[in-house]
Amino acid sequence: MAEYSPDMDFSSIGSSKDVANAELQSMLAAEQQKAQFTAQVHNFLEVCWDKCVEKPSTKLDSRTETCLNNCVDRFIDTTLSITNRFAQIVQKGTH
């Protein structure tokens, strides 16, 4: 460990803390996005399962499979539409 000297430059300590904080914030944001994605997938599964699966079995019949595909597709379309609309609103607000 280096001994203290009055000539030591401690200016990089603040900037390295700022970098570490920014990295932590970035990692937290990524984890939040993962959690939101997982929650959305669970929501898809729950809603579409309740809508499309009348009685569980070892294999999906074609009607159930089609219903599940259409249900998830509608969820994705709706989510993208809402996301795009919010992006437009935000973009208009910044100009």
C-alpha atoms as a PDB file:
ATOM      1  CA  MET A   1       0.000   0.000   0.000  1.00  0.00           C
ATOM      2  CA  ALA A   2       1.358   3.444  -0.919  1.00  0.00           C
ATOM      3  CA  GLU A   3       2.107   5.908   1.826  1.00  0.00           C
ATOM      4  CA  TYR A   4       0.303   9.226   1.914  1.00  0.00           C
ATOM      5  CA  SER A   5       2.091  12.117   0.314  1.00  0.00           C
ATOM      6  CA  PRO A   6       0.792  15.697   0.070  1.00  0.00           C
ATOM      7  CA  ASP A   7       1.560  15.557  -3.665  1.00  0.00           C
ATOM      8  CA  MET A   8      -0.828  12.600  -4.325  1.00  0.00           C
ATOM      9  CA  ASP A   9      -3.525  13.155  -6.941  1.00  0.00           C
ATOM     10  CA  PHE A  10      -6.909  11.923  -5.728  1.00  0.00           C
ATOM     11  CA  SER A  11      -8.941  13.425  -8.582  1.00  0.00           C
ATOM     12  CA  SER A  12      -9.345  10.055 -10.308  1.00  0.00           C
ATOM     13  CA  ILE A  13     -11.107   8.564  -7.279  1.00  0.00           C
ATOM     14  CA  GLY A  14     -14.269  10.575  -7.914  1.00  0.00           C
ATOM     15  CA  SER A  15     -14.305   9.785 -11.607  1.00  0.00           C
ATOM     16  CA  SER A  16     -13.749   6.058 -11.017  1.00  0.00           C
ATOM     17  CA  LYS A  17     -16.676   6.069  -8.561  1.00  0.00           C
ATOM     18  CA  ASP A  18     -18.782   7.795 -11.224  1.00  0.00           C
ATOM     19  CA  VAL A  19     -17.833   5.113 -13.768  1.00  0.00           C
ATOM     20  CA  ALA A  20     -18.630   2.334 -11.296  1.00  0.00           C
ATOM     21  CA  ASN A  21     -21.962   3.981 -10.470  1.00  0.00           C
ATOM     22  CA  ALA A  22     -22.837   4.316 -14.159  1.00  0.00           C
ATOM     23  CA  GLU A  23     -21.964   0.651 -14.735  1.00  0.00           C
ATOM     24  CA  LEU A  24     -24.101  -0.374 -11.753  1.00  0.00           C
ATOM     25  CA  GLN A  25     -27.017   1.710 -13.045  1.00  0.00           C
ATOM     26  CA  SER A  26     -26.654   0.103 -16.473  1.00  0.00           C
ATOM     27  CA  MET A  27     -26.634  -3.394 -14.984  1.00  0.00           C
ATOM     28  CA  LEU A  28     -29.685  -2.584 -12.860  1.00  0.00           C
ATOM     29  CA  ALA A  29     -31.550  -1.269 -15.900  1.00  0.00           C
ATOM     30  CA  ALA A  30     -30.716  -4.444 -17.831  1.00  0.00           C
ATOM     31  CA  GLU A  31     -31.946  -6.615 -14.952  1.00  0.00           C
ATOM     32  CA  GLN A  32     -35.152  -4.593 -14.729  1.00  0.00           C
ATOM     33  CA  GLN A  33     -35.727  -5.103 -18.452  1.00  0.00           C
ATOM     34  CA  LYS A  34     -35.188  -8.853 -18.039  1.00  0.00           C
ATOM     35  CA  ALA A  35     -37.661  -8.920 -15.143  1.00  0.00           C
ATOM     36  CA  GLN A  36     -40.238  -6.969 -17.165  1.00  0.00           C
ATOM     37  CA  PHE A  37     -39.797  -9.320 -20.118  1.00  0.00           C
ATOM     38  CA  THR A  38     -40.207 -12.371 -17.886  1.00  0.00           C
ATOM     39  CA  ALA A  39     -43.319 -10.875 -16.285  1.00  0.00           C
ATOM     40  CA  GLN A  40     -44.773 -10.169 -19.736  1.00  0.00           C
ATOM     41  CA  VAL A  41     -44.121 -13.751 -20.867  1.00  0.00           C
ATOM     42  CA  HIS A  42     -45.870 -15.062 -17.744  1.00  0.00           C
ATOM     43  CA  ASN A  43     -48.772 -12.729 -18.475  1.00  0.00           C
ATOM     44  CA  PHE A  44     -48.982 -14.048 -22.060  1.00  0.00           C
ATOM     45  CA  LEU A  45     -48.959 -17.614 -20.814  1.00  0.00           C
ATOM     46  CA  GLU A  46     -51.605 -17.074 -18.180  1.00  0.00           C
ATOM     47  CA  VAL A  47     -54.047 -15.145 -20.358  1.00  0.00           C
ATOM     48  CA  CYS A  48     -53.568 -17.262 -23.464  1.00  0.00           C
ATOM     49  CA  TRP A  49     -53.699 -20.517 -21.492  1.00  0.00           C
ATOM     50  CA  ASP A  50     -56.988 -19.501 -19.861  1.00  0.00           C
ATOM     51  CA  LYS A  51     -58.395 -18.398 -23.220  1.00  0.00           C
ATOM     52  CA  CYS A  52     -57.268 -21.313 -25.376  1.00  0.00           C
ATOM     53  CA  VAL A  53     -56.772 -24.476 -23.327  1.00  0.00           C
ATOM     54  CA  GLU A  54     -60.053 -26.094 -22.359  1.00  0.00           C
ATOM     55  CA  LYS A  55     -58.585 -29.243 -20.837  1.00  0.00           C
ATOM     56  CA  PRO A  56     -54.890 -30.036 -20.554  1.00  0.00           C
ATOM     57  CA  SER A  57     -53.605 -33.146 -22.264  1.00  0.00           C
ATOM     58  CA  THR A  58     -50.267 -34.586 -23.321  1.00  0.00           C
ATOM     59  CA  LYS A  59     -50.539 -33.018 -26.787  1.00  0.00           C
ATOM     60  CA  LEU A  60     -52.019 -29.799 -28.184  1.00  0.00           C
ATOM     61  CA  ASP A  61     -54.680 -30.198 -30.832  1.00  0.00           C
ATOM     62  CA  SER A  62     -54.461 -27.950 -33.880  1.00  0.00           C
ATOM     63  CA  ARG A  63     -57.286 -25.672 -32.706  1.00  0.00           C
ATOM     64  CA  THR A  64     -55.595 -25.044 -29.356  1.00  0.00           C
ATOM     65  CA  GLU A  65     -52.205 -24.506 -30.987  1.00  0.00           C
ATOM     66  CA  THR A  66     -53.680 -22.005 -33.461  1.00  0.00           C
ATOM     67  CA  CYS A  67     -55.488 -20.197 -30.649  1.00  0.00           C
ATOM     68  CA  LEU A  68     -52.273 -19.961 -28.586  1.00  0.00           C
ATOM     69  CA  ASN A  69     -50.290 -18.683 -31.577  1.00  0.00           C
ATOM     70  CA  ASN A  70     -52.924 -16.055 -32.406  1.00  0.00           C
ATOM     71  CA  CYS A  71     -53.244 -15.003 -28.769  1.00  0.00           C
ATOM     72  CA  VAL A  72     -49.496 -14.474 -28.317  1.00  0.00           C
ATOM     73  CA  ASP A  73     -49.262 -12.711 -31.693  1.00  0.00           C
ATOM     74  CA  ARG A  74     -52.006 -10.263 -30.626  1.00  0.00           C
ATOM     75  CA  PHE A  75     -50.215  -9.612 -27.337  1.00  0.00           C
ATOM     76  CA  ILE A  76     -46.977  -8.893 -29.182  1.00  0.00           C
ATOM     77  CA  ASP A  77     -48.730  -6.657 -31.728  1.00  0.00           C
ATOM     78  CA  THR A  78     -50.484  -4.736 -28.954  1.00  0.00           C
ATOM     79  CA  THR A  79     -47.294  -4.347 -26.900  1.00  0.00           C
ATOM     80  CA  LEU A  80     -45.363  -3.073 -29.923  1.00  0.00           C
ATOM     81  CA  SER A  81     -48.154  -0.678 -30.836  1.00  0.00           C
ATOM     82  CA  ILE A  82     -48.303   0.748 -27.310  1.00  0.00           C
ATOM     83  CA  THR A  83     -44.505   0.985 -27.102  1.00  0.00           C
ATOM     84  CA  ASN A  84     -44.323   2.798 -30.438  1.00  0.00           C
ATOM     85  CA  ARG A  85     -47.082   5.181 -29.396  1.00  0.00           C
ATOM     86  CA  PHE A  86     -45.301   6.043 -26.148  1.00  0.00           C
ATOM     87  CA  ALA A  87     -42.076   6.571 -28.092  1.00  0.00           C
ATOM     88  CA  GLN A  88     -43.893   9.004 -30.394  1.00  0.00           C
ATOM     89  CA  ILE A  89     -45.333  10.888 -27.423  1.00  0.00           C
ATOM     90  CA  VAL A  90     -41.922  11.122 -25.762  1.00  0.00           C
ATOM     91  CA  GLN A  91     -40.287  12.209 -29.015  1.00  0.00           C
ATOM     92  CA  LYS A  92     -42.901  14.948 -29.528  1.00  0.00           C
ATOM     93  CA  GLY A  93     -42.336  16.109 -25.959  1.00  0.00           C
ATOM     94  CA  THR A  94     -38.581  16.501 -26.483  1.00  0.00           C
ATOM     95  CA  HIS A  95     -38.887  18.590 -29.668  1.00  0.00           C
END
